[in-house]
Amino acid sequence: MRIYEIMQSGGPVMWPLLACSIAVLTVIIERSLFWISLEREHNRKLMDAVLALAENGQWELIRQKTTNSQDHIIRLLVVGIVHRDYDMGRAMEAEADLTVQRMSRFMPVLDTMITVAPLLGIFGTVLGIIGSFKVLGASGIADPKLVTSGIAQALITTATGLAIAIIAVIPYNYFNTRITRAIHIMEKYATNLEVVHRKTAVKNGKQSALTMPRNRQYNNTL
């Protein structure tokens, strides 16, 4: 049975279902390419190197090493470092929100199609059964083929709607899992950077405290 014949047998509801299937496939392909590119840009060694350099306070070297990096976690750390003298935590939180928005792009479309496609299938089922009863009421059972066409329409639309929902729900859950995992990783590195920055600040404060009495003693001797 060809696709065009299936479309005809399924009735008018098949056209909205076709639009739903195109939308689902488009989002799946676009999101797959997005996550592939994100994985290619990922640089674990540079992320660890940034934390090590931050612990030593080598901010200029961090800027040089991260200039051409497209890794979203590196960008997150760089934003925090740039705003280290103001509010590192809020700056990284704002950057993380933008990254999550990029990761969640078009996800509501998949969510909507998972709900709408089966409903359209049920709607087509109802229309097919109504058509069958109309034919049955008009001609009785003299021509069973007229009745079975409506039943076929009902089954085709139901199956199509369920198929679209099944195809959409698997990548939808997968992409949501990737987003959740990415959020955890961003929180981990953001927290590590804040801890490193506080250690550096405490270390510098202790060094200043140790040098201050010496300077005062030297000034008193003068």
C-alpha atoms as a PDB file:
ATOM      1  CA  MET A   1       0.000   0.000   0.000  1.00  0.00           C
ATOM      2  CA  ARG A   2       1.551   3.287  -1.089  1.00  0.00           C
ATOM      3  CA  ILE A   3       1.773   6.383   1.076  1.00  0.00           C
ATOM      4  CA  TYR A   4      -0.656   8.306  -1.110  1.00  0.00           C
ATOM      5  CA  GLU A   5      -3.183   5.473  -0.879  1.00  0.00           C
ATOM      6  CA  ILE A   6      -2.789   5.436   2.910  1.00  0.00           C
ATOM      7  CA  MET A   7      -3.379   9.178   2.991  1.00  0.00           C
ATOM      8  CA  GLN A   8      -6.555   8.761   0.959  1.00  0.00           C
ATOM      9  CA  SER A   9      -7.801   5.837   3.039  1.00  0.00           C
ATOM     10  CA  GLY A  10      -7.144   7.695   6.275  1.00  0.00           C
ATOM     11  CA  GLY A  11      -9.311  10.618   5.333  1.00  0.00           C
ATOM     12  CA  PRO A  12      -8.819  14.367   5.890  1.00  0.00           C
ATOM     13  CA  VAL A  13      -7.260  13.952   9.357  1.00  0.00           C
ATOM     14  CA  MET A  14      -4.201  12.378   7.732  1.00  0.00           C
ATOM     15  CA  TRP A  15      -3.048  15.777   6.463  1.00  0.00           C
ATOM     16  CA  PRO A  16      -2.694  17.323   9.948  1.00  0.00           C
ATOM     17  CA  LEU A  17      -0.992  14.088  11.018  1.00  0.00           C
ATOM     18  CA  LEU A  18       1.407  14.463   8.096  1.00  0.00           C
ATOM     19  CA  ALA A  19       2.226  17.993   9.281  1.00  0.00           C
ATOM     20  CA  CYS A  20       2.827  16.629  12.789  1.00  0.00           C
ATOM     21  CA  SER A  21       5.192  13.953  11.477  1.00  0.00           C
ATOM     22  CA  ILE A  22       7.173  16.524   9.466  1.00  0.00           C
ATOM     23  CA  ALA A  23       7.462  18.765  12.534  1.00  0.00           C
ATOM     24  CA  VAL A  24       8.637  15.847  14.687  1.00  0.00           C
ATOM     25  CA  LEU A  25      11.264  14.701  12.191  1.00  0.00           C
ATOM     26  CA  THR A  26      12.525  18.269  11.691  1.00  0.00           C
ATOM     27  CA  VAL A  27      12.960  18.841  15.423  1.00  0.00           C
ATOM     28  CA  ILE A  28      14.644  15.456  15.936  1.00  0.00           C
ATOM     29  CA  ILE A  29      17.170  16.125  13.162  1.00  0.00           C
ATOM     30  CA  GLU A  30      17.842  19.699  14.311  1.00  0.00           C
ATOM     31  CA  ARG A  31      18.316  18.714  17.971  1.00  0.00           C
ATOM     32  CA  SER A  32      20.512  15.752  17.036  1.00  0.00           C
ATOM     33  CA  LEU A  33      22.805  18.020  15.019  1.00  0.00           C
ATOM     34  CA  PHE A  34      22.848  20.513  17.903  1.00  0.00           C
ATOM     35  CA  TRP A  35      23.972  17.905  20.455  1.00  0.00           C
ATOM     36  CA  ILE A  36      26.546  16.466  18.055  1.00  0.00           C
ATOM     37  CA  SER A  37      28.084  19.928  17.574  1.00  0.00           C
ATOM     38  CA  LEU A  38      27.970  20.517  21.336  1.00  0.00           C
ATOM     39  CA  GLU A  39      29.803  17.246  21.938  1.00  0.00           C
ATOM     40  CA  ARG A  40      32.474  18.174  19.393  1.00  0.00           C
ATOM     41  CA  GLU A  41      33.090  21.515  21.111  1.00  0.00           C
ATOM     42  CA  HIS A  42      33.460  19.848  24.511  1.00  0.00           C
ATOM     43  CA  ASN A  43      37.018  20.143  25.909  1.00  0.00           C
ATOM     44  CA  ARG A  44      37.437  18.417  29.281  1.00  0.00           C
ATOM     45  CA  LYS A  45      41.181  19.060  29.489  1.00  0.00           C
ATOM     46  CA  LEU A  46      40.740  22.807  28.985  1.00  0.00           C
ATOM     47  CA  MET A  47      38.003  22.903  31.626  1.00  0.00           C
ATOM     48  CA  ASP A  48      40.309  21.301  34.211  1.00  0.00           C
ATOM     49  CA  ALA A  49      43.151  23.565  33.094  1.00  0.00           C
ATOM     50  CA  VAL A  50      41.008  26.655  33.653  1.00  0.00           C
ATOM     51  CA  LEU A  51      40.266  25.579  37.230  1.00  0.00           C
ATOM     52  CA  ALA A  52      43.953  24.886  37.875  1.00  0.00           C
ATOM     53  CA  LEU A  53      44.979  28.280  36.506  1.00  0.00           C
ATOM     54  CA  ALA A  54      42.220  29.998  38.492  1.00  0.00           C
ATOM     55  CA  GLU A  55      43.564  28.415  41.669  1.00  0.00           C
ATOM     56  CA  ASN A  56      46.891  30.119  40.978  1.00  0.00           C
ATOM     57  CA  GLY A  57      45.248  33.398  40.011  1.00  0.00           C
ATOM     58  CA  GLN A  58      46.577  33.316  36.435  1.00  0.00           C
ATOM     59  CA  TRP A  59      43.642  35.187  34.928  1.00  0.00           C
ATOM     60  CA  GLU A  60      45.444  36.526  31.865  1.00  0.00           C
ATOM     61  CA  LEU A  61      46.647  33.037  30.909  1.00  0.00           C
ATOM     62  CA  ILE A  62      43.063  31.781  31.209  1.00  0.00           C
ATOM     63  CA  ARG A  63      41.914  34.493  28.815  1.00  0.00           C
ATOM     64  CA  GLN A  64      44.565  33.486  26.291  1.00  0.00           C
ATOM     65  CA  LYS A  65      43.760  29.769  26.481  1.00  0.00           C
ATOM     66  CA  THR A  66      39.978  30.201  26.195  1.00  0.00           C
ATOM     67  CA  THR A  67      39.849  32.832  23.446  1.00  0.00           C
ATOM     68  CA  ASN A  68      38.777  30.487  20.631  1.00  0.00           C
ATOM     69  CA  SER A  69      36.868  27.945  22.713  1.00  0.00           C
ATOM     70  CA  GLN A  70      33.193  27.323  21.903  1.00  0.00           C
ATOM     71  CA  ASP A  71      32.603  24.945  24.804  1.00  0.00           C
ATOM     72  CA  HIS A  72      29.538  26.080  26.765  1.00  0.00           C
ATOM     73  CA  ILE A  73      31.146  25.152  30.096  1.00  0.00           C
ATOM     74  CA  ILE A  74      34.286  27.112  29.237  1.00  0.00           C
ATOM     75  CA  ARG A  75      32.085  30.109  28.416  1.00  0.00           C
ATOM     76  CA  LEU A  76      30.360  29.645  31.758  1.00  0.00           C
ATOM     77  CA  LEU A  77      33.673  29.644  33.624  1.00  0.00           C
ATOM     78  CA  VAL A  78      34.998  32.630  31.689  1.00  0.00           C
ATOM     79  CA  VAL A  79      31.866  34.655  32.497  1.00  0.00           C
ATOM     80  CA  GLY A  80      32.358  33.850  36.167  1.00  0.00           C
ATOM     81  CA  ILE A  81      36.023  34.823  36.038  1.00  0.00           C
ATOM     82  CA  VAL A  82      35.258  38.105  34.275  1.00  0.00           C
ATOM     83  CA  HIS A  83      32.770  39.000  37.035  1.00  0.00           C
ATOM     84  CA  ARG A  84      34.825  37.567  39.906  1.00  0.00           C
ATOM     85  CA  ASP A  85      35.141  40.961  41.612  1.00  0.00           C
ATOM     86  CA  TYR A  86      31.372  41.598  41.486  1.00  0.00           C
ATOM     87  CA  ASP A  87      29.042  38.573  41.678  1.00  0.00           C
ATOM     88  CA  MET A  88      30.540  35.455  40.169  1.00  0.00           C
ATOM     89  CA  GLY A  89      27.630  33.203  41.134  1.00  0.00           C
ATOM     90  CA  ARG A  90      24.874  35.302  39.566  1.00  0.00           C
ATOM     91  CA  ALA A  91      26.899  35.900  36.412  1.00  0.00           C
ATOM     92  CA  MET A  92      27.396  32.160  35.906  1.00  0.00           C
ATOM     93  CA  GLU A  93      23.742  31.510  36.733  1.00  0.00           C
ATOM     94  CA  ALA A  94      22.633  33.933  34.009  1.00  0.00           C
ATOM     95  CA  GLU A  95      24.988  32.327  31.489  1.00  0.00           C
ATOM     96  CA  ALA A  96      23.758  28.852  32.467  1.00  0.00           C
ATOM     97  CA  ASP A  97      20.142  29.951  31.928  1.00  0.00           C
ATOM     98  CA  LEU A  98      20.977  31.089  28.392  1.00  0.00           C
ATOM     99  CA  THR A  99      22.704  27.769  27.685  1.00  0.00           C
ATOM    100  CA  VAL A 100      19.733  25.780  28.978  1.00  0.00           C
ATOM    101  CA  GLN A 101      17.412  27.845  26.770  1.00  0.00           C
ATOM    102  CA  ARG A 102      19.531  26.890  23.760  1.00  0.00           C
ATOM    103  CA  MET A 103      19.438  23.231  24.793  1.00  0.00           C
ATOM    104  CA  SER A 104      15.660  23.313  25.312  1.00  0.00           C
ATOM    105  CA  ARG A 105      14.911  24.933  21.961  1.00  0.00           C
ATOM    106  CA  PHE A 106      12.003  23.282  20.081  1.00  0.00           C
ATOM    107  CA  MET A 107      11.447  20.796  22.910  1.00  0.00           C
ATOM    108  CA  PRO A 108       7.897  22.142  23.476  1.00  0.00           C
ATOM    109  CA  VAL A 109       7.167  21.195  19.859  1.00  0.00           C
ATOM    110  CA  LEU A 110       7.975  17.550  20.555  1.00  0.00           C
ATOM    111  CA  ASP A 111       5.990  17.701  23.783  1.00  0.00           C
ATOM    112  CA  THR A 112       2.981  19.089  21.931  1.00  0.00           C
ATOM    113  CA  MET A 113       3.179  16.529  19.128  1.00  0.00           C
ATOM    114  CA  ILE A 114       3.286  13.671  21.652  1.00  0.00           C
ATOM    115  CA  THR A 115      -0.086  14.864  22.945  1.00  0.00           C
ATOM    116  CA  VAL A 116      -1.720  16.153  19.758  1.00  0.00           C
ATOM    117  CA  ALA A 117      -0.910  13.271  17.371  1.00  0.00           C
ATOM    118  CA  PRO A 118      -2.845  10.571  19.284  1.00  0.00           C
ATOM    119  CA  LEU A 119      -5.735  12.987  19.773  1.00  0.00           C
ATOM    120  CA  LEU A 120      -5.863  13.621  16.038  1.00  0.00           C
ATOM    121  CA  GLY A 121      -5.800   9.868  15.520  1.00  0.00           C
ATOM    122  CA  ILE A 122      -8.754   9.443  17.841  1.00  0.00           C
ATOM    123  CA  PHE A 123     -10.551  12.278  16.060  1.00  0.00           C
ATOM    124  CA  GLY A 124     -10.009  10.486  12.747  1.00  0.00           C
ATOM    125  CA  THR A 125     -11.322   7.293  14.345  1.00  0.00           C
ATOM    126  CA  VAL A 126     -14.503   9.043  15.410  1.00  0.00           C
ATOM    127  CA  LEU A 127     -14.981  10.514  11.938  1.00  0.00           C
ATOM    128  CA  GLY A 128     -14.449   7.107  10.330  1.00  0.00           C
ATOM    129  CA  ILE A 129     -16.967   5.414  12.599  1.00  0.00           C
ATOM    130  CA  ILE A 130     -19.496   8.199  12.010  1.00  0.00           C
ATOM    131  CA  GLY A 131     -19.037   7.753   8.258  1.00  0.00           C
ATOM    132  CA  SER A 132     -19.530   4.000   8.587  1.00  0.00           C
ATOM    133  CA  PHE A 133     -22.772   4.437  10.532  1.00  0.00           C
ATOM    134  CA  LYS A 134     -24.053   6.935   7.969  1.00  0.00           C
ATOM    135  CA  VAL A 135     -23.411   4.489   5.138  1.00  0.00           C
ATOM    136  CA  LEU A 136     -24.896   1.658   7.178  1.00  0.00           C
ATOM    137  CA  GLY A 137     -28.008   3.714   7.876  1.00  0.00           C
ATOM    138  CA  ALA A 138     -28.409   4.708   4.239  1.00  0.00           C
ATOM    139  CA  SER A 139     -27.765   1.407   2.438  1.00  0.00           C
ATOM    140  CA  GLY A 140     -27.911  -1.181   5.199  1.00  0.00           C
ATOM    141  CA  ILE A 141     -25.533  -4.100   4.758  1.00  0.00           C
ATOM    142  CA  ALA A 142     -26.087  -4.449   1.035  1.00  0.00           C
ATOM    143  CA  ASP A 143     -22.533  -3.277   0.301  1.00  0.00           C
ATOM    144  CA  PRO A 144     -20.148  -4.118   3.192  1.00  0.00           C
ATOM    145  CA  LYS A 145     -17.228  -2.452   1.393  1.00  0.00           C
ATOM    146  CA  LEU A 146     -18.756   0.959   2.018  1.00  0.00           C
ATOM    147  CA  VAL A 147     -18.856   0.230   5.735  1.00  0.00           C
ATOM    148  CA  THR A 148     -15.342  -1.204   5.924  1.00  0.00           C
ATOM    149  CA  SER A 149     -13.853   1.905   4.303  1.00  0.00           C
ATOM    150  CA  GLY A 150     -14.932   3.963   7.307  1.00  0.00           C
ATOM    151  CA  ILE A 151     -13.512   1.352   9.686  1.00  0.00           C
ATOM    152  CA  ALA A 152     -10.247   1.368   7.735  1.00  0.00           C
ATOM    153  CA  GLN A 153     -10.107   5.152   8.042  1.00  0.00           C
ATOM    154  CA  ALA A 154     -10.585   4.843  11.806  1.00  0.00           C
ATOM    155  CA  LEU A 155      -7.795   2.266  12.196  1.00  0.00           C
ATOM    156  CA  ILE A 156      -5.329   4.091   9.922  1.00  0.00           C
ATOM    157  CA  THR A 157      -5.655   7.436  11.699  1.00  0.00           C
ATOM    158  CA  THR A 158      -5.353   5.817  15.132  1.00  0.00           C
ATOM    159  CA  ALA A 159      -2.249   3.865  14.108  1.00  0.00           C
ATOM    160  CA  THR A 160      -0.674   6.929  12.494  1.00  0.00           C
ATOM    161  CA  GLY A 161      -1.269   9.127  15.535  1.00  0.00           C
ATOM    162  CA  LEU A 162       0.183   6.530  17.895  1.00  0.00           C
ATOM    163  CA  ALA A 163       3.193   5.980  15.617  1.00  0.00           C
ATOM    164  CA  ILE A 164       4.005   9.701  15.559  1.00  0.00           C
ATOM    165  CA  ALA A 165       3.726   9.905  19.363  1.00  0.00           C
ATOM    166  CA  ILE A 166       5.974   6.858  19.842  1.00  0.00           C
ATOM    167  CA  ILE A 167       8.565   8.233  17.419  1.00  0.00           C
ATOM    168  CA  ALA A 168       8.531  11.588  19.238  1.00  0.00           C
ATOM    169  CA  VAL A 169       8.591  10.409  22.859  1.00  0.00           C
ATOM    170  CA  ILE A 170      11.867   8.463  22.617  1.00  0.00           C
ATOM    171  CA  PRO A 171      14.077  11.376  21.433  1.00  0.00           C
ATOM    172  CA  TYR A 172      12.107  13.735  23.676  1.00  0.00           C
ATOM    173  CA  ASN A 173      13.109  11.778  26.773  1.00  0.00           C
ATOM    174  CA  TYR A 174      16.656  11.368  25.469  1.00  0.00           C
ATOM    175  CA  PHE A 175      17.123  15.093  24.866  1.00  0.00           C
ATOM    176  CA  ASN A 176      15.651  15.919  28.279  1.00  0.00           C
ATOM    177  CA  THR A 177      18.131  13.501  29.859  1.00  0.00           C
ATOM    178  CA  ARG A 178      20.984  15.242  28.038  1.00  0.00           C
ATOM    179  CA  ILE A 179      19.757  18.628  29.271  1.00  0.00           C
ATOM    180  CA  THR A 180      19.561  17.407  32.870  1.00  0.00           C
ATOM    181  CA  ARG A 181      23.054  15.930  32.645  1.00  0.00           C
ATOM    182  CA  ALA A 182      24.438  19.147  31.145  1.00  0.00           C
ATOM    183  CA  ILE A 183      22.875  21.181  33.963  1.00  0.00           C
ATOM    184  CA  HIS A 184      24.551  18.954  36.567  1.00  0.00           C
ATOM    185  CA  ILE A 185      27.935  19.334  34.852  1.00  0.00           C
ATOM    186  CA  MET A 186      27.579  23.123  34.659  1.00  0.00           C
ATOM    187  CA  GLU A 187      26.635  23.268  38.351  1.00  0.00           C
ATOM    188  CA  LYS A 188      29.636  21.100  39.219  1.00  0.00           C
ATOM    189  CA  TYR A 189      32.182  23.272  37.417  1.00  0.00           C
ATOM    190  CA  ALA A 190      30.556  26.523  38.518  1.00  0.00           C
ATOM    191  CA  THR A 191      30.709  25.386  42.150  1.00  0.00           C
ATOM    192  CA  ASN A 192      34.325  24.275  41.739  1.00  0.00           C
ATOM    193  CA  LEU A 193      35.256  27.677  40.323  1.00  0.00           C
ATOM    194  CA  GLU A 194      33.562  29.498  43.207  1.00  0.00           C
ATOM    195  CA  VAL A 195      35.392  27.310  45.731  1.00  0.00           C
ATOM    196  CA  VAL A 196      38.719  27.884  43.974  1.00  0.00           C
ATOM    197  CA  HIS A 197      38.106  31.631  43.868  1.00  0.00           C
ATOM    198  CA  ARG A 198      37.278  31.746  47.571  1.00  0.00           C
ATOM    199  CA  LYS A 199      40.397  29.742  48.421  1.00  0.00           C
ATOM    200  CA  THR A 200      42.470  32.148  46.361  1.00  0.00           C
ATOM    201  CA  ALA A 201      40.850  35.131  48.060  1.00  0.00           C
ATOM    202  CA  VAL A 202      41.463  33.641  51.518  1.00  0.00           C
ATOM    203  CA  LYS A 203      45.057  32.810  50.619  1.00  0.00           C
ATOM    204  CA  ASN A 204      45.680  36.341  49.366  1.00  0.00           C
ATOM    205  CA  GLY A 205      44.037  37.735  52.497  1.00  0.00           C
ATOM    206  CA  LYS A 206      46.302  35.684  54.755  1.00  0.00           C
ATOM    207  CA  GLN A 207      49.374  36.773  52.829  1.00  0.00           C
ATOM    208  CA  SER A 208      48.296  40.402  53.182  1.00  0.00           C
ATOM    209  CA  ALA A 209      47.745  39.881  56.895  1.00  0.00           C
ATOM    210  CA  LEU A 210      51.204  38.372  57.285  1.00  0.00           C
ATOM    211  CA  THR A 211      52.908  41.181  55.427  1.00  0.00           C
ATOM    212  CA  MET A 212      51.092  44.032  57.205  1.00  0.00           C
ATOM    213  CA  PRO A 213      52.787  43.675  60.641  1.00  0.00           C
ATOM    214  CA  ARG A 214      56.185  43.593  58.971  1.00  0.00           C
ATOM    215  CA  ASN A 215      55.490  46.826  57.153  1.00  0.00           C
ATOM    216  CA  ARG A 216      54.233  48.494  60.315  1.00  0.00           C
ATOM    217  CA  GLN A 217      57.267  47.295  62.268  1.00  0.00           C
ATOM    218  CA  TYR A 218      59.529  48.605  59.515  1.00  0.00           C
ATOM    219  CA  ASN A 219      57.771  51.969  59.554  1.00  0.00           C
ATOM    220  CA  ASN A 220      58.098  52.191  63.339  1.00  0.00           C
ATOM    221  CA  THR A 221      61.837  51.599  63.149  1.00  0.00           C
ATOM    222  CA  LEU A 222      62.067  54.438  60.681  1.00  0.00           C
END
